[in-house]
Amino acid sequence: MPRKKKSSTRRGNHEGTIYQRKDGLWISQITIGLKPNGKPLRKSFSGKTRAEVSAKLIPYMNKENGKVVTAREEVRIESHMMFWLMNYKITTVAPRTFERCIRNAKLHIFPAYGNYRPQDLNIDNLQPHFKRLLDKYELDTVKKVKYLFSDYLEYCLDRGLIDSNPLDRIKFKSIERKAKENLEEKEQKALPEELREPFLVALNTDRFFKAFCLTAMFAGLRPGEVIGLRWRDINFEKGTLSVKRGMTVEPEFDSEGNVIARKTVIGKTKTAGSIRTNPVPKLLIQALTEWKNYRSDLQTETGYSLVENDDLVFGTNKGELRSYSGTKHMFDRFLKSNNLDGKGIHFYELRHTFSNTLFEQNTNPRVVQALMGHRKIETTMIYNTVRDNKYLESAIGVFDSRYETAGESVEEPANKHKYYRAPKNKAVVQSKSSVDFELPETKDEQDVKSITERISKMLEDYDIEDINKFFSSLKKKSEAEM
């Protein structure tokens, strides 16, 4: 005989809890708000029957949807949002992204709205603040602040603290805003062409940096992706390189969201689109082969594992993971020893030189996007800094090669009419009105005065104040006489 299904006593979220204790007493509990630290504020009732304790919940329920009317006056944005950040947001984003969230909250949200209650927010006190941010920061920064704040308000909406999200009505123009300083002048995104050859010459003096920099410059890898490469990611026979992970620096936080430590780890790539396997130039395969041979000899000499499949391509001489800051300090010393310091050469310029070299050859942007591992084509185009006229002229040159016939001389038939003729003087034809009235040609002021007097007398005779009405009446009179 099938078991009888028990009726569930569990209620929905925000609808309270009812249960019976072992001594037979019924208990009902309901969350009526939040404490200043963000934790739930509950109220409990007891009674002899389920119906009794259930009835005690009714004053705390919303009549429209049966959910709890939250005690909204208990919540202030700074303490409550910090509770949300440290318990909810931290579980949904990467550590470095979370660090940016904490920073944006403390810099751009708490100073302006920390002492507000969520229900105090409206479009009138939000819009001016975001306008000030737009005047001071780049559009992308302001969008991230808005997204973070809106994400928190969605949490408040779900908890019944607010009835709607006021940030849904805050809109920004889809234009690129600049910071106070012109970033294009401040930052060179790719190695200038005049520095490329001297830089390559300098690389021939250092085994490590030749292999490291060419990997970034000829395969378009980010510095963290280069540091995180393992030998099994390189297929020397097929001439391909796979990007599956990257070095990153993960911060650790205390209960207040302050960074207390940082550690270098091998983690996921920057985005899902960053995972890729691309063909690479033969020059890079040659440089990596030479580097592997050198590391193999070093492995034999030191006994450390350096060239096995799981070993890092650019690890330390003990096979350990390099840090970004340590590698950058080595790179700065390398530039200085080759008289290239002070010229603005940076790690990321090597990756951007890869994309610019492709753009200089008129490569399809979609191809560049795939090779760079960008999720959006717009990101790829940001790093296209090809502005030299010779590259633009090279692109436009396709018209000269494909449409050579357009350059031949024009040979018109001798009897062909010209396209343009001098305009002829046309005789002015004066149309007469249906009434036989025309002004005589005037030769002097006396004639003009005479005509004026005649017209004035006619207007008085017909009792008409407007000259147009006068001619209209004459027309009607003429038609009546016909």
Protein backbone atom coordinates (compact mmCIF):
# COMPACT_ATOMS: atom_id res chain seq x y z
CA MET A 1 0.00 0.00 0.00
CA PRO A 2 1.57 3.34 -1.00
CA ARG A 3 2.69 5.63 1.77
CA LYS A 4 0.49 8.62 2.42
CA LYS A 5 2.21 11.80 1.39
CA LYS A 6 2.66 14.14 4.31
CA SER A 7 1.43 17.67 3.90
CA SER A 8 4.31 20.11 3.86
CA THR A 9 4.44 22.73 6.56
CA ARG A 10 7.28 24.62 4.87
CA ARG A 11 6.36 28.07 3.71
CA GLY A 12 7.89 30.20 0.96
CA ASN A 13 10.68 32.75 1.36
CA HIS A 14 9.65 35.77 3.50
CA GLU A 15 6.41 34.01 4.49
CA GLY A 16 7.46 32.95 7.96
CA THR A 17 8.15 29.59 9.59
CA ILE A 18 5.72 27.48 11.69
CA TYR A 19 6.72 24.35 13.57
CA GLN A 20 5.77 22.32 16.67
CA ARG A 21 8.22 21.71 19.48
CA LYS A 22 8.65 18.35 21.20
CA ASP A 23 6.64 19.59 24.18
CA GLY A 24 3.67 20.22 21.87
CA LEU A 25 3.91 24.03 21.80
CA TRP A 26 3.56 25.68 18.35
CA ILE A 27 6.11 28.32 17.27
CA SER A 28 5.96 30.78 14.41
CA GLN A 29 8.86 32.97 13.30
CA ILE A 30 9.09 35.69 10.71
CA THR A 31 11.86 37.98 9.44
CA ILE A 32 10.68 41.56 9.80
CA GLY A 33 13.81 43.35 8.67
CA LEU A 34 17.57 43.53 8.98
CA LYS A 35 19.89 44.54 11.77
CA PRO A 36 22.45 47.32 11.20
CA ASN A 37 25.06 44.65 10.46
CA GLY A 38 22.84 43.24 7.70
CA LYS A 39 21.81 40.08 9.53
CA PRO A 40 18.11 39.11 9.62
CA LEU A 41 15.89 40.58 12.34
CA ARG A 42 13.34 37.94 13.40
CA LYS A 43 10.20 37.93 15.52
CA SER A 44 8.83 34.79 17.19
CA PHE A 45 5.34 33.82 18.51
CA SER A 46 4.14 30.82 20.48
CA GLY A 47 0.72 29.22 20.99
CA LYS A 48 -1.16 26.02 21.71
CA THR A 49 -2.39 25.51 18.13
CA ARG A 50 -1.03 26.04 14.66
CA ALA A 51 -3.96 28.31 13.81
CA GLU A 52 -3.17 30.53 16.79
CA VAL A 53 0.48 31.17 15.90
CA SER A 54 -0.39 31.48 12.21
CA ALA A 55 -2.88 34.25 12.99
CA LYS A 56 -0.17 36.15 14.89
CA LEU A 57 1.83 36.45 11.65
CA ILE A 58 -0.95 38.23 9.76
CA PRO A 59 -0.15 41.82 10.89
CA TYR A 60 3.37 41.40 9.51
CA MET A 61 2.30 40.13 6.10
CA ASN A 62 1.77 42.20 2.95
CA LYS A 63 -1.91 41.97 2.04
CA GLU A 64 -1.17 42.05 -1.70
CA ASN A 65 1.35 39.24 -2.05
CA GLY A 66 1.47 37.57 1.37
CA LYS A 67 5.13 38.43 1.96
CA VAL A 68 6.70 40.13 4.94
CA VAL A 69 6.53 43.90 5.33
CA THR A 70 10.20 44.55 6.09
CA ALA A 71 11.20 46.96 8.81
CA ARG A 72 12.97 49.25 6.35
CA GLU A 73 14.05 51.88 8.85
CA GLU A 74 16.69 49.48 10.23
CA VAL A 75 18.92 49.51 7.15
CA ARG A 76 21.64 52.00 6.15
CA ILE A 77 23.36 51.57 2.81
CA GLU A 78 27.03 51.53 3.90
CA SER A 79 26.77 48.78 6.51
CA HIS A 80 24.17 46.80 4.59
CA MET A 81 26.01 46.97 1.26
CA MET A 82 29.25 45.89 2.93
CA PHE A 83 27.39 42.89 4.36
CA TRP A 84 26.12 42.09 0.85
CA LEU A 85 29.60 42.48 -0.67
CA MET A 86 31.33 40.24 1.88
CA ASN A 87 28.67 37.51 1.84
CA TYR A 88 27.14 37.50 -1.64
CA LYS A 89 29.15 39.46 -4.20
CA ILE A 90 32.46 37.89 -3.18
CA THR A 91 31.19 34.46 -4.24
CA THR A 92 30.28 35.54 -7.79
CA VAL A 93 33.41 37.34 -9.07
CA ALA A 94 37.16 36.81 -9.26
CA PRO A 95 39.25 38.18 -6.36
CA ARG A 96 40.72 41.03 -8.40
CA THR A 97 37.27 41.99 -9.66
CA PHE A 98 35.98 41.92 -6.08
CA GLU A 99 38.83 44.21 -5.05
CA ARG A 100 37.63 46.71 -7.66
CA CYS A 101 34.05 46.37 -6.36
CA ILE A 102 35.17 47.20 -2.82
CA ARG A 103 37.21 50.14 -4.09
CA ASN A 104 34.33 51.55 -6.15
CA ALA A 105 31.92 51.19 -3.25
CA LYS A 106 34.23 52.99 -0.83
CA LEU A 107 35.23 55.74 -3.27
CA HIS A 108 32.05 56.45 -5.22
CA ILE A 109 29.03 55.07 -3.32
CA PHE A 110 29.57 55.23 0.45
CA PRO A 111 30.71 58.89 0.60
CA ALA A 112 27.56 60.00 -1.23
CA TYR A 113 24.92 57.51 -0.05
CA GLY A 114 26.38 55.58 2.89
CA ASN A 115 24.00 57.12 5.44
CA TYR A 116 20.93 56.82 3.16
CA ARG A 117 18.31 54.11 3.49
CA PRO A 118 17.73 52.15 0.26
CA GLN A 119 14.16 53.51 0.03
CA ASP A 120 15.53 57.09 0.18
CA LEU A 121 17.14 56.73 -3.24
CA ASN A 122 15.41 58.20 -6.28
CA ILE A 123 16.32 59.47 -9.71
CA ASP A 124 16.58 63.06 -8.46
CA ASN A 125 19.33 62.36 -5.93
CA LEU A 126 21.09 59.74 -8.11
CA GLN A 127 21.33 61.51 -11.47
CA PRO A 128 23.35 64.55 -10.26
CA HIS A 129 25.91 62.26 -8.59
CA PHE A 130 26.43 60.18 -11.71
CA LYS A 131 26.68 63.35 -13.80
CA ARG A 132 29.54 64.52 -11.57
CA LEU A 133 31.23 61.13 -11.98
CA LEU A 134 30.90 61.37 -15.77
CA ASP A 135 32.56 64.81 -15.71
CA LYS A 136 35.51 63.41 -13.74
CA TYR A 137 35.98 59.79 -14.87
CA GLU A 138 35.82 57.70 -18.01
CA LEU A 139 32.47 56.30 -19.10
CA ASP A 140 33.62 52.71 -18.48
CA THR A 141 34.48 53.49 -14.84
CA VAL A 142 31.11 55.15 -14.20
CA LYS A 143 29.29 52.21 -15.80
CA LYS A 144 31.04 49.81 -13.42
CA VAL A 145 30.01 51.92 -10.42
CA LYS A 146 26.42 51.99 -11.64
CA TYR A 147 26.37 48.24 -12.28
CA LEU A 148 27.69 47.49 -8.79
CA PHE A 149 25.20 49.83 -7.12
CA SER A 150 22.34 48.46 -9.23
CA ASP A 151 23.32 44.88 -8.38
CA TYR A 152 23.10 45.73 -4.67
CA LEU A 153 19.71 47.43 -5.14
CA GLU A 154 18.41 44.31 -6.89
CA TYR A 155 19.34 42.42 -3.72
CA CYS A 156 17.42 45.03 -1.69
CA LEU A 157 14.46 44.65 -4.02
CA ASP A 158 14.49 40.90 -3.53
CA ARG A 159 14.58 41.39 0.26
CA GLY A 160 11.61 43.76 0.20
CA LEU A 161 13.60 46.83 1.24
CA ILE A 162 12.56 48.78 -1.86
CA ASP A 163 9.70 48.55 -4.32
CA SER A 164 11.72 49.27 -7.47
CA ASN A 165 15.30 49.86 -8.57
CA PRO A 166 15.74 53.62 -9.23
CA LEU A 167 18.99 53.05 -11.12
CA ASP A 168 17.00 51.41 -13.94
CA ARG A 169 16.02 54.92 -14.99
CA ILE A 170 19.54 56.33 -15.03
CA LYS A 171 20.88 56.29 -18.61
CA PHE A 172 24.22 57.29 -20.12
CA LYS A 173 25.01 58.31 -23.66
CA SER A 174 26.90 55.65 -25.60
CA ILE A 175 29.90 57.84 -26.29
CA GLU A 176 33.52 57.48 -25.33
CA ARG A 177 34.36 59.90 -22.54
CA LYS A 178 37.91 60.90 -21.77
CA ALA A 179 39.54 61.35 -18.42
CA LYS A 180 41.10 64.65 -17.50
CA GLU A 181 44.30 63.66 -19.23
CA ASN A 182 44.31 62.60 -22.84
CA LEU A 183 44.98 58.87 -22.55
CA GLU A 184 45.95 58.48 -26.19
CA GLU A 185 48.82 60.91 -25.69
CA LYS A 186 49.70 59.53 -22.26
CA GLU A 187 49.85 55.88 -23.28
CA GLN A 188 51.31 54.40 -26.45
CA LYS A 189 49.44 51.16 -27.10
CA ALA A 190 52.03 49.55 -29.38
CA LEU A 191 55.75 49.80 -29.99
CA PRO A 192 56.44 52.67 -32.41
CA GLU A 193 57.88 51.33 -35.65
CA GLU A 194 61.16 53.18 -35.17
CA LEU A 195 61.74 51.26 -31.88
CA ARG A 196 60.88 47.79 -33.15
CA GLU A 197 64.17 47.00 -34.87
CA PRO A 198 66.38 48.34 -32.01
CA PHE A 199 64.27 46.33 -29.56
CA LEU A 200 64.67 43.10 -31.57
CA VAL A 201 68.42 43.70 -31.79
CA ALA A 202 68.55 44.06 -27.99
CA LEU A 203 66.62 40.80 -27.55
CA ASN A 204 69.45 38.93 -29.25
CA THR A 205 71.58 39.65 -26.19
CA ASP A 206 69.29 37.84 -23.69
CA ARG A 207 67.97 34.26 -24.05
CA PHE A 208 65.17 34.61 -21.54
CA PHE A 209 63.73 37.89 -22.80
CA LYS A 210 64.09 36.93 -26.45
CA ALA A 211 61.84 33.91 -25.94
CA PHE A 212 59.56 35.73 -23.49
CA CYS A 213 59.05 38.94 -25.49
CA LEU A 214 58.71 37.23 -28.87
CA THR A 215 55.98 35.03 -27.39
CA ALA A 216 54.03 38.17 -26.47
CA MET A 217 54.96 40.05 -29.64
CA PHE A 218 54.46 37.25 -32.21
CA ALA A 219 51.59 35.35 -30.55
CA GLY A 220 49.69 38.23 -28.93
CA LEU A 221 49.75 36.87 -25.37
CA ARG A 222 49.14 38.89 -22.24
CA PRO A 223 52.07 38.97 -19.76
CA GLY A 224 50.16 36.73 -17.34
CA GLU A 225 49.44 34.25 -20.14
CA VAL A 226 53.13 34.11 -21.07
CA ILE A 227 54.15 33.51 -17.44
CA GLY A 228 51.53 30.77 -17.10
CA LEU A 229 52.57 28.81 -20.23
CA ARG A 230 53.57 25.16 -19.83
CA TRP A 231 55.57 23.14 -22.36
CA ARG A 232 52.57 20.96 -23.18
CA ASP A 233 50.82 24.11 -24.46
CA ILE A 234 53.30 24.37 -27.35
CA ASN A 235 53.04 22.00 -30.34
CA PHE A 236 56.40 22.31 -32.07
CA GLU A 237 55.41 19.98 -34.93
CA LYS A 238 52.19 21.77 -35.86
CA GLY A 239 53.50 25.21 -34.99
CA THR A 240 50.66 26.10 -32.60
CA LEU A 241 50.40 27.57 -29.13
CA SER A 242 47.48 27.04 -26.72
CA VAL A 243 46.39 29.52 -24.08
CA LYS A 244 44.46 27.77 -21.29
CA ARG A 245 45.46 29.62 -18.14
CA GLY A 246 47.29 32.65 -16.89
CA MET A 247 49.26 33.95 -13.96
CA THR A 248 47.25 36.25 -11.72
CA VAL A 249 47.65 38.00 -8.40
CA GLU A 250 44.83 37.16 -6.00
CA PRO A 251 44.22 39.46 -3.03
CA GLU A 252 43.02 38.24 0.36
CA PHE A 253 40.55 40.34 2.37
CA ASP A 254 39.64 40.91 5.99
CA SER A 255 36.05 41.24 7.23
CA GLU A 256 36.00 44.93 6.27
CA GLY A 257 37.04 44.27 2.67
CA ASN A 258 40.60 45.52 3.16
CA VAL A 259 43.39 43.69 1.30
CA ILE A 260 45.64 41.99 3.82
CA ALA A 261 47.80 39.90 1.45
CA ARG A 262 48.40 39.08 -2.21
CA LYS A 263 49.56 35.83 -3.73
CA THR A 264 50.68 34.89 -7.22
CA VAL A 265 48.81 31.90 -8.62
CA ILE A 266 48.03 30.15 -11.90
CA GLY A 267 44.35 30.71 -12.56
CA LYS A 268 41.82 31.00 -15.32
CA THR A 269 42.29 33.20 -18.36
CA LYS A 270 40.94 36.75 -18.28
CA THR A 271 37.75 35.78 -20.15
CA ALA A 272 36.25 32.61 -21.58
CA GLY A 273 37.18 33.85 -25.06
CA SER A 274 40.84 34.03 -24.02
CA ILE A 275 41.12 30.23 -24.20
CA ARG A 276 42.48 29.61 -27.69
CA THR A 277 44.88 27.60 -29.84
CA ASN A 278 46.56 29.66 -32.54
CA PRO A 279 49.20 29.10 -35.21
CA VAL A 280 52.39 31.03 -34.53
CA PRO A 281 55.22 32.26 -36.81
CA LYS A 282 58.17 29.99 -37.54
CA LEU A 283 60.44 32.63 -36.00
CA LEU A 284 58.71 32.12 -32.65
CA ILE A 285 58.91 28.31 -32.89
CA GLN A 286 62.63 28.68 -33.59
CA ALA A 287 63.13 30.99 -30.58
CA LEU A 288 61.17 28.66 -28.27
CA THR A 289 63.14 25.65 -29.52
CA GLU A 290 66.41 27.40 -28.68
CA TRP A 291 65.02 28.34 -25.27
CA LYS A 292 63.92 24.76 -24.55
CA ASN A 293 67.34 23.41 -25.51
CA TYR A 294 68.97 25.88 -23.12
CA ARG A 295 66.55 24.91 -20.31
CA SER A 296 67.21 21.24 -20.99
CA ASP A 297 70.93 21.76 -20.46
CA LEU A 298 70.15 23.72 -17.28
CA GLN A 299 67.94 20.87 -16.04
CA THR A 300 70.77 18.39 -16.54
CA GLU A 301 73.15 20.71 -14.71
CA THR A 302 70.95 21.63 -11.72
CA GLY A 303 68.64 18.63 -11.39
CA TYR A 304 65.50 20.80 -11.28
CA SER A 305 62.62 19.80 -13.55
CA LEU A 306 62.45 22.50 -16.23
CA VAL A 307 61.36 21.01 -19.58
CA GLU A 308 58.79 18.34 -18.71
CA ASN A 309 55.27 18.71 -20.09
CA ASP A 310 53.87 20.27 -16.91
CA ASP A 311 56.85 22.53 -16.31
CA LEU A 312 56.51 26.26 -16.79
CA VAL A 313 58.10 27.56 -19.98
CA PHE A 314 59.26 30.74 -18.26
CA GLY A 315 59.59 29.59 -14.66
CA THR A 316 62.52 30.41 -12.42
CA ASN A 317 65.76 28.41 -12.61
CA LYS A 318 64.18 26.16 -9.99
CA GLY A 319 61.04 25.70 -12.06
CA GLU A 320 58.88 27.87 -9.81
CA LEU A 321 56.24 30.38 -10.87
CA ARG A 322 57.52 33.88 -11.54
CA SER A 323 55.66 36.90 -10.20
CA TYR A 324 54.53 39.69 -12.48
CA SER A 325 56.32 42.38 -10.47
CA GLY A 326 59.59 40.42 -10.36
CA THR A 327 59.51 39.79 -14.12
CA LYS A 328 58.77 43.45 -14.78
CA HIS A 329 61.74 44.56 -12.67
CA MET A 330 63.96 42.23 -14.71
CA PHE A 331 62.50 43.70 -17.92
CA ASP A 332 63.18 47.26 -16.74
CA ARG A 333 66.83 46.37 -16.04
CA PHE A 334 67.07 44.76 -19.48
CA LEU A 335 65.80 47.95 -21.14
CA LYS A 336 68.20 50.10 -19.17
CA SER A 337 71.22 47.97 -20.05
CA ASN A 338 70.32 48.36 -23.76
CA ASN A 339 69.65 52.12 -23.61
CA LEU A 340 65.93 51.61 -24.19
CA ASP A 341 64.71 52.86 -20.84
CA GLY A 342 62.64 56.04 -20.77
CA LYS A 343 61.12 55.32 -24.17
CA GLY A 344 57.81 54.08 -22.77
CA ILE A 345 58.29 50.39 -23.64
CA HIS A 346 55.96 48.26 -21.52
CA PHE A 347 54.99 44.56 -21.37
CA TYR A 348 51.55 45.20 -22.81
CA GLU A 349 52.99 47.10 -25.77
CA LEU A 350 54.38 43.79 -27.04
CA ARG A 351 50.90 42.25 -27.23
CA HIS A 352 49.50 45.37 -28.87
CA THR A 353 52.37 45.38 -31.37
CA PHE A 354 51.12 41.94 -32.44
CA SER A 355 47.65 43.30 -33.24
CA ASN A 356 48.98 46.48 -34.86
CA THR A 357 51.30 44.49 -37.13
CA LEU A 358 48.27 42.56 -38.36
CA PHE A 359 46.24 45.74 -38.85
CA GLU A 360 49.12 47.28 -40.79
CA GLN A 361 48.75 44.39 -43.26
CA ASN A 362 44.98 45.05 -43.55
CA THR A 363 44.09 41.81 -41.73
CA ASN A 364 40.37 41.29 -41.14
CA PRO A 365 39.54 42.60 -37.62
CA ARG A 366 37.58 39.40 -36.89
CA VAL A 367 40.75 37.38 -37.46
CA VAL A 368 42.69 39.70 -35.14
CA GLN A 369 39.93 39.33 -32.54
CA ALA A 370 40.22 35.52 -32.58
CA LEU A 371 44.02 35.60 -32.36
CA MET A 372 43.98 38.11 -29.49
CA GLY A 373 41.32 36.21 -27.53
CA HIS A 374 38.96 39.17 -27.23
CA ARG A 375 35.31 38.50 -26.45
CA LYS A 376 34.11 41.62 -28.33
CA ILE A 377 35.31 43.08 -31.61
CA GLU A 378 35.02 46.55 -30.03
CA THR A 379 37.84 45.63 -27.64
CA THR A 380 40.05 44.60 -30.55
CA MET A 381 39.45 47.88 -32.36
CA ILE A 382 40.42 49.91 -29.28
CA TYR A 383 43.99 48.65 -29.67
CA ASN A 384 44.18 49.46 -33.36
CA THR A 385 46.39 52.55 -33.22
CA VAL A 386 47.47 52.42 -36.86
CA ARG A 387 47.19 56.06 -37.89
CA ASP A 388 50.22 56.51 -40.15
CA ASN A 389 49.21 57.73 -43.61
CA LYS A 390 51.34 55.15 -45.41
CA TYR A 391 49.18 52.33 -44.02
CA LEU A 392 46.02 54.19 -44.95
CA GLU A 393 47.44 54.86 -48.40
CA SER A 394 48.24 51.18 -48.75
CA ALA A 395 44.63 50.30 -47.99
CA ILE A 396 43.25 52.86 -50.43
CA GLY A 397 45.71 51.69 -53.10
CA VAL A 398 43.37 48.78 -53.93
CA PHE A 399 41.31 51.18 -56.05
CA ASP A 400 44.31 52.04 -58.23
CA SER A 401 45.11 48.37 -58.87
CA ARG A 402 41.56 47.12 -59.47
CA TYR A 403 40.14 49.99 -61.52
CA GLU A 404 42.99 50.92 -63.87
CA THR A 405 40.56 51.69 -66.72
CA ALA A 406 39.33 54.71 -64.76
CA GLY A 407 42.77 56.28 -65.30
CA GLU A 408 42.59 56.31 -69.11
CA SER A 409 42.18 59.63 -70.94
CA VAL A 410 38.75 60.80 -72.03
CA GLU A 411 38.21 60.72 -75.84
CA GLU A 412 34.90 62.35 -76.80
CA PRO A 413 33.42 62.24 -80.32
CA ALA A 414 33.96 65.51 -82.17
CA ASN A 415 30.21 66.03 -82.75
CA LYS A 416 29.24 65.41 -79.10
CA HIS A 417 27.38 68.28 -77.49
CA LYS A 418 28.98 69.89 -74.51
CA TYR A 419 27.48 69.14 -71.14
CA TYR A 420 27.33 72.77 -70.07
CA ARG A 421 26.01 75.70 -72.10
CA ALA A 422 25.94 79.38 -71.33
CA PRO A 423 22.46 80.38 -70.15
CA LYS A 424 20.41 82.37 -72.67
CA ASN A 425 18.86 85.73 -71.78
CA LYS A 426 15.14 85.15 -71.61
CA ALA A 427 12.66 87.91 -72.39
CA VAL A 428 10.69 88.93 -69.36
CA VAL A 429 7.02 88.32 -69.99
CA GLN A 430 4.70 90.36 -67.87
CA SER A 431 1.34 88.76 -67.31
CA LYS A 432 -1.69 90.97 -67.19
CA SER A 433 -4.48 90.48 -64.77
CA SER A 434 -8.01 89.75 -65.93
CA VAL A 435 -8.77 93.45 -65.42
CA ASP A 436 -7.20 95.79 -67.87
CA PHE A 437 -5.11 97.70 -65.41
CA GLU A 438 -1.38 98.26 -65.63
CA LEU A 439 0.96 100.83 -64.32
CA PRO A 440 2.64 103.06 -66.90
CA GLU A 441 6.40 103.21 -67.02
CA THR A 442 7.72 105.87 -64.67
CA LYS A 443 10.46 108.23 -65.74
CA ASP A 444 10.65 110.70 -62.87
CA GLU A 445 9.40 111.47 -59.41
CA GLN A 446 6.45 113.45 -60.80
CA ASP A 447 5.12 110.37 -62.60
CA VAL A 448 5.46 108.27 -59.42
CA LYS A 449 3.59 110.88 -57.41
CA SER A 450 0.80 111.02 -60.00
CA ILE A 451 0.34 107.26 -60.01
CA THR A 452 0.29 107.14 -56.21
CA GLU A 453 -2.46 109.79 -56.10
CA ARG A 454 -4.54 107.88 -58.65
CA ILE A 455 -4.28 104.63 -56.67
CA SER A 456 -5.15 106.39 -53.39
CA LYS A 457 -8.28 107.94 -54.99
CA MET A 458 -9.39 104.53 -56.30
CA LEU A 459 -9.00 102.98 -52.85
CA GLU A 460 -11.16 105.72 -51.35
CA ASP A 461 -13.80 105.32 -54.08
CA TYR A 462 -14.09 101.60 -53.43
CA ASP A 463 -13.74 102.02 -49.65
CA ILE A 464 -10.90 99.50 -49.51
CA GLU A 465 -7.97 99.72 -47.11
CA ASP A 466 -5.84 96.87 -48.51
CA ILE A 467 -4.33 97.00 -52.03
CA ASN A 468 -4.86 93.26 -52.56
CA LYS A 469 -8.54 93.60 -51.74
CA PHE A 470 -8.68 96.48 -54.23
CA PHE A 471 -7.41 94.38 -57.15
CA SER A 472 -9.64 91.49 -56.09
CA SER A 473 -12.72 93.73 -56.22
CA LEU A 474 -11.72 95.01 -59.65
CA LYS A 475 -11.43 91.43 -60.88
CA LYS A 476 -14.88 90.54 -59.57
CA LYS A 477 -16.37 93.66 -61.18
CA SER A 478 -14.74 92.83 -64.51
CA GLU A 479 -16.07 89.29 -64.42
CA ALA A 480 -19.57 90.57 -63.63
CA GLU A 481 -19.55 92.89 -66.65
CA MET A 482 -18.53 90.13 -69.04
